[in-house]
PDB file of N, CA and C in Angstrom:
ATOM      1  N   UNK A   1       0.846  -1.175   0.000  1.00  0.00           N
ATOM      2  CA  UNK A   1       0.000   0.000   0.000  1.00  0.00           C
ATOM      3  C   UNK A   1       0.892   1.239   0.000  1.00  0.00           C
ATOM      4  N   UNK A   2       0.690   2.149  -0.924  1.00  0.00           N
ATOM      5  CA  UNK A   2       1.518   3.357  -0.979  1.00  0.00           C
ATOM      6  C   UNK A   2       1.263   4.274   0.217  1.00  0.00           C
ATOM      7  N   UNK A   3       2.279   5.036   0.544  1.00  0.00           N
ATOM      8  CA  UNK A   3       2.152   5.997   1.641  1.00  0.00           C
ATOM      9  C   UNK A   3       1.333   7.199   1.213  1.00  0.00           C
ATOM     10  N   UNK A   4       0.629   7.756   2.181  1.00  0.00           N
ATOM     11  CA  UNK A   4      -0.112   8.988   1.981  1.00  0.00           C
ATOM     12  C   UNK A   4       0.891  10.145   2.071  1.00  0.00           C
ATOM     13  N   UNK A   5       0.969  10.956   1.028  1.00  0.00           N
ATOM     14  CA  UNK A   5       1.982  12.024   0.999  1.00  0.00           C
ATOM     15  C   UNK A   5       1.815  13.016   2.142  1.00  0.00           C
ATOM     16  N   UNK A   6       0.588  13.315   2.517  1.00  0.00           N
ATOM     17  CA  UNK A   6       0.354  14.241   3.629  1.00  0.00           C
ATOM     18  C   UNK A   6       0.908  13.650   4.926  1.00  0.00           C
ATOM     19  N   UNK A   7       0.675  12.364   5.145  1.00  0.00           N
ATOM     20  CA  UNK A   7       1.186  11.712   6.357  1.00  0.00           C
ATOM     21  C   UNK A   7       2.716  11.662   6.343  1.00  0.00           C
ATOM     22  N   UNK A   8       3.312  11.465   5.174  1.00  0.00           N
ATOM     23  CA  UNK A   8       4.775  11.478   5.085  1.00  0.00           C
ATOM     24  C   UNK A   8       5.328  12.842   5.472  1.00  0.00           C
ATOM     25  N   UNK A   9       4.726  13.884   4.969  1.00  0.00           N
ATOM     26  CA  UNK A   9       5.190  15.240   5.314  1.00  0.00           C
ATOM     27  C   UNK A   9       5.052  15.490   6.801  1.00  0.00           C
ATOM     28  N   UNK A  10       3.944  15.030   7.386  1.00  0.00           N
ATOM     29  CA  UNK A  10       3.752  15.186   8.827  1.00  0.00           C
ATOM     30  C   UNK A  10       4.810  14.412   9.608  1.00  0.00           C
ATOM     31  N   UNK A  11       5.150  13.213   9.143  1.00  0.00           N
ATOM     32  CA  UNK A  11       6.190  12.419   9.807  1.00  0.00           C
ATOM     33  C   UNK A  11       7.540  13.133   9.720  1.00  0.00           C
ATOM     34  N   UNK A  12       7.884  13.659   8.541  1.00  0.00           N
ATOM     35  CA  UNK A  12       9.136  14.408   8.394  1.00  0.00           C
ATOM     36  C   UNK A  12       9.163  15.613   9.334  1.00  0.00           C
ATOM     37  N   UNK A  13       8.058  16.346   9.408  1.00  0.00           N
ATOM     38  CA  UNK A  13       7.996  17.506  10.297  1.00  0.00           C
ATOM     39  C   UNK A  13       8.162  17.094  11.760  1.00  0.00           C
ATOM     40  N   UNK A  14       7.518  15.999  12.143  1.00  0.00           N
ATOM     41  CA  UNK A  14       7.620  15.525  13.519  1.00  0.00           C
ATOM     42  C   UNK A  14       9.067  15.123  13.833  1.00  0.00           C
ATOM     43  N   UNK A  15       9.726  14.466  12.894  1.00  0.00           N
ATOM     44  CA  UNK A  15      11.118  14.076  13.092  1.00  0.00           C
ATOM     45  C   UNK A  15      12.000  15.311  13.285  1.00  0.00           C
ATOM     46  N   UNK A  16      11.763  16.348  12.512  1.00  0.00           N
ATOM     47  CA  UNK A  16      12.533  17.591  12.691  1.00  0.00           C
ATOM     48  C   UNK A  16      12.355  18.146  14.092  1.00  0.00           C
ATOM     49  N   UNK A  17      11.121  18.130  14.595  1.00  0.00           N
ATOM     50  CA  UNK A  17      10.869  18.622  15.963  1.00  0.00           C
ATOM     51  C   UNK A  17      11.550  17.726  16.996  1.00  0.00           C
ATOM     52  N   UNK A  18      11.509  16.429  16.789  1.00  0.00           N
ATOM     53  CA  UNK A  18      12.158  15.501  17.712  1.00  0.00           C
ATOM     54  C   UNK A  18      13.650  15.785  17.773  1.00  0.00           C
ATOM     55  N   UNK A  19      14.269  16.002  16.628  1.00  0.00           N
ATOM     56  CA  UNK A  19      15.713  16.206  16.565  1.00  0.00           C
ATOM     57  C   UNK A  19      16.153  17.518  17.201  1.00  0.00           C
ATOM     58  N   UNK A  20      15.235  18.426  17.427  1.00  0.00           N
ATOM     59  CA  UNK A  20      15.560  19.696  18.076  1.00  0.00           C
ATOM     60  C   UNK A  20      15.535  19.588  19.603  1.00  0.00           C
ATOM     61  N   UNK A  21      15.041  18.478  20.140  1.00  0.00           N
ATOM     62  CA  UNK A  21      14.842  18.350  21.573  1.00  0.00           C
ATOM     63  C   UNK A  21      16.007  17.732  22.315  1.00  0.00           C
ATOM     64  N   UNK A  22      15.855  17.710  23.629  1.00  0.00           N
ATOM     65  CA  UNK A  22      16.781  17.033  24.534  1.00  0.00           C
ATOM     66  C   UNK A  22      16.043  15.854  25.151  1.00  0.00           C
ATOM     67  N   UNK A  23      16.805  14.808  25.496  1.00  0.00           N
ATOM     68  CA  UNK A  23      16.188  13.588  25.974  1.00  0.00           C
ATOM     69  C   UNK A  23      16.936  13.051  27.176  1.00  0.00           C
ATOM     70  N   UNK A  24      16.202  12.431  28.119  1.00  0.00           N
ATOM     71  CA  UNK A  24      16.868  11.887  29.305  1.00  0.00           C
ATOM     72  C   UNK A  24      17.704  10.666  28.954  1.00  0.00           C
ATOM     73  N   UNK A  25      18.862  10.594  29.558  1.00  0.00           N
ATOM     74  CA  UNK A  25      19.749   9.449  29.377  1.00  0.00           C
ATOM     75  C   UNK A  25      20.322   9.071  30.732  1.00  0.00           C
ATOM     76  N   UNK A  26      20.377   7.796  31.001  1.00  0.00           N
ATOM     77  CA  UNK A  26      20.980   7.301  32.236  1.00  0.00           C
ATOM     78  C   UNK A  26      22.474   7.164  31.985  1.00  0.00           C
ATOM     79  N   UNK A  27      23.255   7.814  32.812  1.00  0.00           N
ATOM     80  CA  UNK A  27      24.717   7.771  32.676  1.00  0.00           C
ATOM     81  C   UNK A  27      25.338   7.356  34.008  1.00  0.00           C
ATOM     82  N   UNK A  28      26.547   6.884  33.954  1.00  0.00           N
ATOM     83  CA  UNK A  28      27.261   6.496  35.165  1.00  0.00           C
ATOM     84  C   UNK A  28      27.574   5.016  35.179  1.00  0.00           C
ATOM     85  N   UNK A  29      28.238   4.607  36.244  1.00  0.00           N
ATOM     86  CA  UNK A  29      28.633   3.221  36.413  1.00  0.00           C
ATOM     87  C   UNK A  29      28.325   2.768  37.823  1.00  0.00           C
ATOM     88  N   UNK A  30      28.180   1.445  37.945  1.00  0.00           N
ATOM     89  CA  UNK A  30      27.941   0.817  39.242  1.00  0.00           C
ATOM     90  C   UNK A  30      26.764   1.487  39.950  1.00  0.00           C
ATOM     91  N   UNK A  31      27.002   2.081  41.112  1.00  0.00           N
ATOM     92  CA  UNK A  31      25.912   2.683  41.898  1.00  0.00           C
ATOM     93  C   UNK A  31      25.824   4.193  41.707  1.00  0.00           C
ATOM     94  N   UNK A  32      26.593   4.735  40.788  1.00  0.00           N
ATOM     95  CA  UNK A  32      26.621   6.178  40.571  1.00  0.00           C
ATOM     96  C   UNK A  32      25.846   6.577  39.321  1.00  0.00           C
ATOM     97  N   UNK A  33      24.651   6.061  39.178  1.00  0.00           N
ATOM     98  CA  UNK A  33      23.830   6.392  38.018  1.00  0.00           C
ATOM     99  C   UNK A  33      23.110   7.713  38.247  1.00  0.00           C
ATOM    100  N   UNK A  34      22.920   8.430  37.165  1.00  0.00           N
ATOM    101  CA  UNK A  34      22.140   9.668  37.226  1.00  0.00           C
ATOM    102  C   UNK A  34      21.471   9.860  35.861  1.00  0.00           C
ATOM    103  N   UNK A  35      20.486  10.693  35.828  1.00  0.00           N
ATOM    104  CA  UNK A  35      19.793  10.990  34.579  1.00  0.00           C
ATOM    105  C   UNK A  35      20.193  12.383  34.132  1.00  0.00           C
ATOM    106  N   UNK A  36      20.626  12.472  32.886  1.00  0.00           N
ATOM    107  CA  UNK A  36      21.019  13.754  32.298  1.00  0.00           C
ATOM    108  C   UNK A  36      20.219  13.985  31.027  1.00  0.00           C
ATOM    109  N   UNK A  37      19.988  15.242  30.739  1.00  0.00           N
ATOM    110  CA  UNK A  37      19.357  15.601  29.473  1.00  0.00           C
ATOM    111  C   UNK A  37      20.450  15.704  28.420  1.00  0.00           C
ATOM    112  N   UNK A  38      20.210  15.066  27.275  1.00  0.00           N
ATOM    113  CA  UNK A  38      21.181  15.107  26.190  1.00  0.00           C
ATOM    114  C   UNK A  38      20.505  15.557  24.907  1.00  0.00           C
ATOM    115  N   UNK A  39      21.225  16.326  24.086  1.00  0.00           N
ATOM    116  CA  UNK A  39      20.671  16.708  22.789  1.00  0.00           C
ATOM    117  C   UNK A  39      20.593  15.478  21.874  1.00  0.00           C
ATOM    118  N   UNK A  40      19.761  15.568  20.880  1.00  0.00           N
ATOM    119  CA  UNK A  40      19.523  14.464  19.949  1.00  0.00           C
ATOM    120  C   UNK A  40      20.830  13.877  19.411  1.00  0.00           C
ATOM    121  N   UNK A  41      21.726  14.723  18.970  1.00  0.00           N
ATOM    122  CA  UNK A  41      22.945  14.232  18.332  1.00  0.00           C
ATOM    123  C   UNK A  41      23.829  13.444  19.288  1.00  0.00           C
ATOM    124  N   UNK A  42      23.655  13.591  20.594  1.00  0.00           N
ATOM    125  CA  UNK A  42      24.457  12.857  21.572  1.00  0.00           C
ATOM    126  C   UNK A  42      23.795  11.566  22.047  1.00  0.00           C
ATOM    127  N   UNK A  43      22.608  11.273  21.554  1.00  0.00           N
ATOM    128  CA  UNK A  43      21.906  10.063  21.955  1.00  0.00           C
ATOM    129  C   UNK A  43      22.481   8.857  21.215  1.00  0.00           C
ATOM    130  N   UNK A  44      22.510   7.692  21.868  1.00  0.00           N
ATOM    131  CA  UNK A  44      22.935   6.482  21.170  1.00  0.00           C
ATOM    132  C   UNK A  44      21.956   6.163  20.023  1.00  0.00           C
ATOM    133  N   UNK A  45      22.456   5.549  18.982  1.00  0.00           N
ATOM    134  CA  UNK A  45      21.623   5.257  17.811  1.00  0.00           C
ATOM    135  C   UNK A  45      20.442   4.355  18.157  1.00  0.00           C
ATOM    136  N   UNK A  46      20.649   3.395  19.055  1.00  0.00           N
ATOM    137  CA  UNK A  46      19.532   2.520  19.470  1.00  0.00           C
ATOM    138  C   UNK A  46      18.419   3.338  20.103  1.00  0.00           C
ATOM    139  N   UNK A  47      18.795   4.335  20.885  1.00  0.00           N
ATOM    140  CA  UNK A  47      17.794   5.194  21.530  1.00  0.00           C
ATOM    141  C   UNK A  47      17.082   6.057  20.497  1.00  0.00           C
ATOM    142  N   UNK A  48      17.843   6.601  19.546  1.00  0.00           N
ATOM    143  CA  UNK A  48      17.229   7.400  18.483  1.00  0.00           C
ATOM    144  C   UNK A  48      16.196   6.574  17.724  1.00  0.00           C
ATOM    145  N   UNK A  49      16.583   5.350  17.383  1.00  0.00           N
ATOM    146  CA  UNK A  49      15.671   4.479  16.648  1.00  0.00           C
ATOM    147  C   UNK A  49      14.405   4.224  17.457  1.00  0.00           C
ATOM    148  N   UNK A  50      14.560   3.915  18.731  1.00  0.00           N
ATOM    149  CA  UNK A  50      13.396   3.647  19.583  1.00  0.00           C
ATOM    150  C   UNK A  50      12.498   4.874  19.677  1.00  0.00           C
ATOM    151  N   UNK A  51      13.092   6.045  19.851  1.00  0.00           N
ATOM    152  CA  UNK A  51      12.296   7.274  19.944  1.00  0.00           C
ATOM    153  C   UNK A  51      11.529   7.503  18.655  1.00  0.00           C
ATOM    154  N   UNK A  52      12.208   7.385  17.527  1.00  0.00           N
ATOM    155  CA  UNK A  52      11.536   7.621  16.243  1.00  0.00           C
ATOM    156  C   UNK A  52      10.450   6.590  15.964  1.00  0.00           C
ATOM    157  N   UNK A  53      10.699   5.346  16.299  1.00  0.00           N
ATOM    158  CA  UNK A  53       9.692   4.317  16.064  1.00  0.00           C
ATOM    159  C   UNK A  53       8.461   4.538  16.925  1.00  0.00           C
ATOM    160  N   UNK A  54       8.671   4.978  18.164  1.00  0.00           N
ATOM    161  CA  UNK A  54       7.556   5.113  19.096  1.00  0.00           C
ATOM    162  C   UNK A  54       6.871   6.474  19.065  1.00  0.00           C
ATOM    163  N   UNK A  55       7.619   7.542  18.839  1.00  0.00           N
ATOM    164  CA  UNK A  55       7.059   8.887  18.964  1.00  0.00           C
ATOM    165  C   UNK A  55       6.354   9.364  17.701  1.00  0.00           C
ATOM    166  N   UNK A  56       6.835   8.931  16.553  1.00  0.00           N
ATOM    167  CA  UNK A  56       6.258   9.388  15.289  1.00  0.00           C
ATOM    168  C   UNK A  56       5.003   8.565  14.988  1.00  0.00           C
ATOM    169  N   UNK A  57       3.970   9.241  14.541  1.00  0.00           N
ATOM    170  CA  UNK A  57       2.746   8.556  14.104  1.00  0.00           C
ATOM    171  C   UNK A  57       2.981   8.075  12.674  1.00  0.00           C
ATOM    172  N   UNK A  58       3.182   6.788  12.531  1.00  0.00           N
ATOM    173  CA  UNK A  58       3.488   6.206  11.230  1.00  0.00           C
ATOM    174  C   UNK A  58       2.244   5.754  10.483  1.00  0.00           C
ATOM    175  N   UNK A  59       1.055   6.064  10.990  1.00  0.00           N
ATOM    176  CA  UNK A  59      -0.151   5.647  10.273  1.00  0.00           C
ATOM    177  C   UNK A  59      -0.195   6.344   8.918  1.00  0.00           C
ATOM    178  N   UNK A  60      -0.569   5.593   7.898  1.00  0.00           N
ATOM    179  CA  UNK A  60      -0.616   6.139   6.553  1.00  0.00           C
ATOM    180  C   UNK A  60       0.718   6.103   5.835  1.00  0.00           C
ATOM    181  N   UNK A  61       1.771   5.617   6.523  1.00  0.00           N
ATOM    182  CA  UNK A  61       3.102   5.520   5.934  1.00  0.00           C
ATOM    183  C   UNK A  61       3.411   4.033   5.750  1.00  0.00           C
ATOM    184  N   UNK A  62       3.801   3.650   4.565  1.00  0.00           N
ATOM    185  CA  UNK A  62       4.103   2.240   4.314  1.00  0.00           C
ATOM    186  C   UNK A  62       5.321   1.803   5.125  1.00  0.00           C
ATOM    187  N   UNK A  63       5.397   0.513   5.392  1.00  0.00           N
ATOM    188  CA  UNK A  63       6.557  -0.025   6.103  1.00  0.00           C
ATOM    189  C   UNK A  63       7.844   0.290   5.356  1.00  0.00           C
ATOM    190  N   UNK A  64       7.788   0.192   4.046  1.00  0.00           N
ATOM    191  CA  UNK A  64       8.965   0.446   3.227  1.00  0.00           C
ATOM    192  C   UNK A  64       9.445   1.883   3.400  1.00  0.00           C
ATOM    193  N   UNK A  65       8.524   2.841   3.308  1.00  0.00           N
ATOM    194  CA  UNK A  65       8.892   4.246   3.468  1.00  0.00           C
ATOM    195  C   UNK A  65       9.364   4.538   4.886  1.00  0.00           C
ATOM    196  N   UNK A  66       8.693   3.936   5.876  1.00  0.00           N
ATOM    197  CA  UNK A  66       9.115   4.117   7.266  1.00  0.00           C
ATOM    198  C   UNK A  66      10.555   3.639   7.439  1.00  0.00           C
ATOM    199  N   UNK A  67      10.874   2.482   6.907  1.00  0.00           N
ATOM    200  CA  UNK A  67      12.229   1.943   7.044  1.00  0.00           C
ATOM    201  C   UNK A  67      13.254   2.836   6.370  1.00  0.00           C
ATOM    202  N   UNK A  68      12.936   3.344   5.181  1.00  0.00           N
ATOM    203  CA  UNK A  68      13.864   4.246   4.497  1.00  0.00           C
ATOM    204  C   UNK A  68      14.125   5.502   5.329  1.00  0.00           C
ATOM    205  N   UNK A  69      13.083   6.042   5.898  1.00  0.00           N
ATOM    206  CA  UNK A  69      13.228   7.240   6.726  1.00  0.00           C
ATOM    207  C   UNK A  69      14.084   6.932   7.953  1.00  0.00           C
ATOM    208  N   UNK A  70      13.759   5.844   8.651  1.00  0.00           N
ATOM    209  CA  UNK A  70      14.509   5.493   9.858  1.00  0.00           C
ATOM    210  C   UNK A  70      15.978   5.241   9.543  1.00  0.00           C
ATOM    211  N   UNK A  71      16.248   4.528   8.463  1.00  0.00           N
ATOM    212  CA  UNK A  71      17.641   4.260   8.093  1.00  0.00           C
ATOM    213  C   UNK A  71      18.395   5.537   7.740  1.00  0.00           C
ATOM    214  N   UNK A  72      17.680   6.532   7.231  1.00  0.00           N
ATOM    215  CA  UNK A  72      18.344   7.794   6.884  1.00  0.00           C
ATOM    216  C   UNK A  72      18.574   8.689   8.104  1.00  0.00           C
ATOM    217  N   UNK A  73      17.864   8.434   9.192  1.00  0.00           N
ATOM    218  CA  UNK A  73      17.964   9.285  10.380  1.00  0.00           C
ATOM    219  C   UNK A  73      18.923   8.748  11.439  1.00  0.00           C
ATOM    220  N   UNK A  74      19.372   7.508  11.287  1.00  0.00           N
ATOM    221  CA  UNK A  74      20.287   6.913  12.259  1.00  0.00           C
ATOM    222  C   UNK A  74      21.502   6.355  11.532  1.00  0.00           C
ATOM    223  N   UNK A  75      22.505   5.952  12.298  1.00  0.00           N
ATOM    224  CA  UNK A  75      23.661   5.265  11.732  1.00  0.00           C
ATOM    225  C   UNK A  75      23.386   3.768  11.848  1.00  0.00           C
ATOM    226  N   UNK A  76      23.033   3.109  10.746  1.00  0.00           N
ATOM    227  CA  UNK A  76      22.664   1.691  10.810  1.00  0.00           C
ATOM    228  C   UNK A  76      23.778   0.792  11.349  1.00  0.00           C
ATOM    229  N   UNK A  77      25.022   1.216  11.252  1.00  0.00           N
ATOM    230  CA  UNK A  77      26.127   0.426  11.769  1.00  0.00           C
ATOM    231  C   UNK A  77      26.208   0.403  13.286  1.00  0.00           C
ATOM    232  N   UNK A  78      25.412   1.253  13.941  1.00  0.00           N
ATOM    233  CA  UNK A  78      25.472   1.345  15.399  1.00  0.00           C
ATOM    234  C   UNK A  78      24.221   0.817  16.091  1.00  0.00           C
ATOM    235  N   UNK A  79      23.425   0.051  15.358  1.00  0.00           N
ATOM    236  CA  UNK A  79      22.281  -0.621  15.974  1.00  0.00           C
ATOM    237  C   UNK A  79      22.536  -2.124  15.879  1.00  0.00           C
ATOM    238  N   UNK A  80      21.715  -2.908  16.547  1.00  0.00           N
ATOM    239  CA  UNK A  80      21.937  -4.355  16.542  1.00  0.00           C
ATOM    240  C   UNK A  80      21.688  -4.933  15.145  1.00  0.00           C
ATOM    241  N   UNK A  81      22.292  -6.080  14.905  1.00  0.00           N
ATOM    242  CA  UNK A  81      22.106  -6.753  13.614  1.00  0.00           C
ATOM    243  C   UNK A  81      20.632  -7.035  13.350  1.00  0.00           C
ATOM    244  N   UNK A  82      19.910  -7.469  14.382  1.00  0.00           N
ATOM    245  CA  UNK A  82      18.491  -7.793  14.175  1.00  0.00           C
ATOM    246  C   UNK A  82      17.678  -6.542  13.843  1.00  0.00           C
ATOM    247  N   UNK A  83      17.983  -5.425  14.495  1.00  0.00           N
ATOM    248  CA  UNK A  83      17.273  -4.183  14.172  1.00  0.00           C
ATOM    249  C   UNK A  83      17.578  -3.739  12.746  1.00  0.00           C
ATOM    250  N   UNK A  84      18.845  -3.782  12.397  1.00  0.00           N
ATOM    251  CA  UNK A  84      19.261  -3.378  11.061  1.00  0.00           C
ATOM    252  C   UNK A  84      18.641  -4.289   9.997  1.00  0.00           C
ATOM    253  N   UNK A  85      18.684  -5.595  10.218  1.00  0.00           N
ATOM    254  CA  UNK A  85      18.124  -6.533   9.249  1.00  0.00           C
ATOM    255  C   UNK A  85      16.620  -6.349   9.089  1.00  0.00           C
ATOM    256  N   UNK A  86      15.942  -6.057  10.176  1.00  0.00           N
ATOM    257  CA  UNK A  86      14.491  -5.810  10.099  1.00  0.00           C
ATOM    258  C   UNK A  86      14.205  -4.574   9.256  1.00  0.00           C
ATOM    259  N   UNK A  87      14.947  -3.499   9.504  1.00  0.00           N
ATOM    260  CA  UNK A  87      14.743  -2.271   8.734  1.00  0.00           C
ATOM    261  C   UNK A  87      15.094  -2.470   7.262  1.00  0.00           C
ATOM    262  N   UNK A  88      16.186  -3.169   7.005  1.00  0.00           N
ATOM    263  CA  UNK A  88      16.562  -3.423   5.611  1.00  0.00           C
ATOM    264  C   UNK A  88      15.503  -4.271   4.927  1.00  0.00           C
ATOM    265  N   UNK A  89      14.981  -5.266   5.633  1.00  0.00           N
ATOM    266  CA  UNK A  89      13.906  -6.086   5.078  1.00  0.00           C
ATOM    267  C   UNK A  89      12.674  -5.264   4.748  1.00  0.00           C
ATOM    268  N   UNK A  90      12.313  -4.346   5.642  1.00  0.00           N
ATOM    269  CA  UNK A  90      11.172  -3.465   5.385  1.00  0.00           C
ATOM    270  C   UNK A  90      11.464  -2.543   4.208  1.00  0.00           C
ATOM    271  N   UNK A  91      12.692  -2.055   4.133  1.00  0.00           N
ATOM    272  CA  UNK A  91      13.063  -1.079   3.102  1.00  0.00           C
ATOM    273  C   UNK A  91      13.095  -1.695   1.716  1.00  0.00           C
ATOM    274  N   UNK A  92      13.313  -2.978   1.633  1.00  0.00           N
ATOM    275  CA  UNK A  92      13.414  -3.611   0.323  1.00  0.00           C
ATOM    276  C   UNK A  92      12.093  -4.193  -0.156  1.00  0.00           C
ATOM    277  N   UNK A  93      11.039  -3.978   0.587  1.00  0.00           N
ATOM    278  CA  UNK A  93       9.722  -4.423   0.142  1.00  0.00           C
ATOM    279  C   UNK A  93       9.344  -3.666  -1.113  1.00  0.00           C
ATOM    280  N   UNK A  94       8.647  -4.334  -1.989  1.00  0.00           N
ATOM    281  CA  UNK A  94       8.186  -3.688  -3.218  1.00  0.00           C
ATOM    282  C   UNK A  94       6.894  -2.930  -2.932  1.00  0.00           C
ATOM    283  N   UNK A  95       7.010  -1.636  -2.818  1.00  0.00           N
ATOM    284  CA  UNK A  95       5.863  -0.775  -2.618  1.00  0.00           C
ATOM    285  C   UNK A  95       6.086   0.505  -3.393  1.00  0.00           C
ATOM    286  N   UNK A  96       5.112   1.374  -3.325  1.00  0.00           N
ATOM    287  CA  UNK A  96       5.221   2.675  -3.970  1.00  0.00           C
ATOM    288  C   UNK A  96       6.415   3.437  -3.387  1.00  0.00           C
ATOM    289  N   UNK A  97       7.097   4.192  -4.196  1.00  0.00           N
ATOM    290  CA  UNK A  97       8.295   4.914  -3.754  1.00  0.00           C
ATOM    291  C   UNK A  97       7.966   6.380  -3.480  1.00  0.00           C
ATOM    292  N   UNK A  98       7.012   6.611  -2.598  1.00  0.00           N
ATOM    293  CA  UNK A  98       6.543   7.956  -2.303  1.00  0.00           C
ATOM    294  C   UNK A  98       7.624   8.807  -1.657  1.00  0.00           C
ATOM    295  N   UNK A  99       8.408   8.252  -0.750  1.00  0.00           N
ATOM    296  CA  UNK A  99       9.455   9.025  -0.074  1.00  0.00           C
ATOM    297  C   UNK A  99      10.429   9.586  -1.093  1.00  0.00           C
ATOM    298  N   UNK A 100      10.842   8.752  -2.044  1.00  0.00           N
ATOM    299  CA  UNK A 100      11.777   9.219  -3.055  1.00  0.00           C
ATOM    300  C   UNK A 100      11.176  10.353  -3.883  1.00  0.00           C
ATOM    301  N   UNK A 101       9.891  10.278  -4.203  1.00  0.00           N
ATOM    302  CA  UNK A 101       9.240  11.345  -4.976  1.00  0.00           C
ATOM    303  C   UNK A 101       9.228  12.644  -4.188  1.00  0.00           C
ATOM    304  N   UNK A 102       8.921  12.584  -2.915  1.00  0.00           N
ATOM    305  CA  UNK A 102       8.888  13.798  -2.094  1.00  0.00           C
ATOM    306  C   UNK A 102      10.285  14.399  -1.993  1.00  0.00           C
ATOM    307  N   UNK A 103      11.287  13.570  -1.777  1.00  0.00           N
ATOM    308  CA  UNK A 103      12.653  14.088  -1.680  1.00  0.00           C
ATOM    309  C   UNK A 103      13.116  14.697  -2.990  1.00  0.00           C
ATOM    310  N   UNK A 104      12.709  14.115  -4.111  1.00  0.00           N
ATOM    311  CA  UNK A 104      13.071  14.665  -5.421  1.00  0.00           C
ATOM    312  C   UNK A 104      12.481  16.062  -5.616  1.00  0.00           C
ATOM    313  N   UNK A 105      11.342  16.325  -4.999  1.00  0.00           N
ATOM    314  CA  UNK A 105      10.696  17.629  -5.128  1.00  0.00           C
ATOM    315  C   UNK A 105      11.148  18.611  -4.066  1.00  0.00           C
ATOM    316  N   UNK A 106      12.128  18.256  -3.286  1.00  0.00           N
ATOM    317  CA  UNK A 106      12.649  19.194  -2.301  1.00  0.00           C
ATOM    318  C   UNK A 106      12.329  18.797  -0.882  1.00  0.00           C
ATOM    319  N   UNK A 107      11.789  17.637  -0.673  1.00  0.00           N
ATOM    320  CA  UNK A 107      11.640  17.109   0.675  1.00  0.00           C
ATOM    321  C   UNK A 107      10.465  17.623   1.442  1.00  0.00           C
ATOM    322  N   UNK A 108      10.711  18.492   2.381  1.00  0.00           N
ATOM    323  CA  UNK A 108       9.728  18.815   3.410  1.00  0.00           C
ATOM    324  C   UNK A 108       8.884  20.020   3.068  1.00  0.00           C
ATOM    325  N   UNK A 109       8.468  20.130   1.832  1.00  0.00           N
ATOM    326  CA  UNK A 109       7.599  21.249   1.472  1.00  0.00           C
ATOM    327  C   UNK A 109       6.228  21.064   2.106  1.00  0.00           C
ATOM    328  N   UNK A 110       5.516  22.125   2.231  1.00  0.00           N
ATOM    329  CA  UNK A 110       4.184  22.046   2.851  1.00  0.00           C
ATOM    330  C   UNK A 110       3.125  22.258   1.820  1.00  0.00           C
TER     331      UNK A 110
END
């Protein structure tokens, strides 16, 4: 099922807002744990992936397009093999290539 272009634009916009924020991270060793706020770019890739998968409303977005977006927003080499393989499997599904069409037209236009 092809992605709804309006929903794709909304997902891109939501991702931009997410990337502007700070997020809690548990840091420390042994019994000296504490929670610190970290900017998006300092978050581990596994955490970024989890945030994007859970926080973004992916309704109306095909699995294939979702996987392409997620793979473009994280470093796939820094997530687990199973996570990476799942995303690659989703990304290689034969579906409409709506994400590529939107990016060809300049991406996040409204």
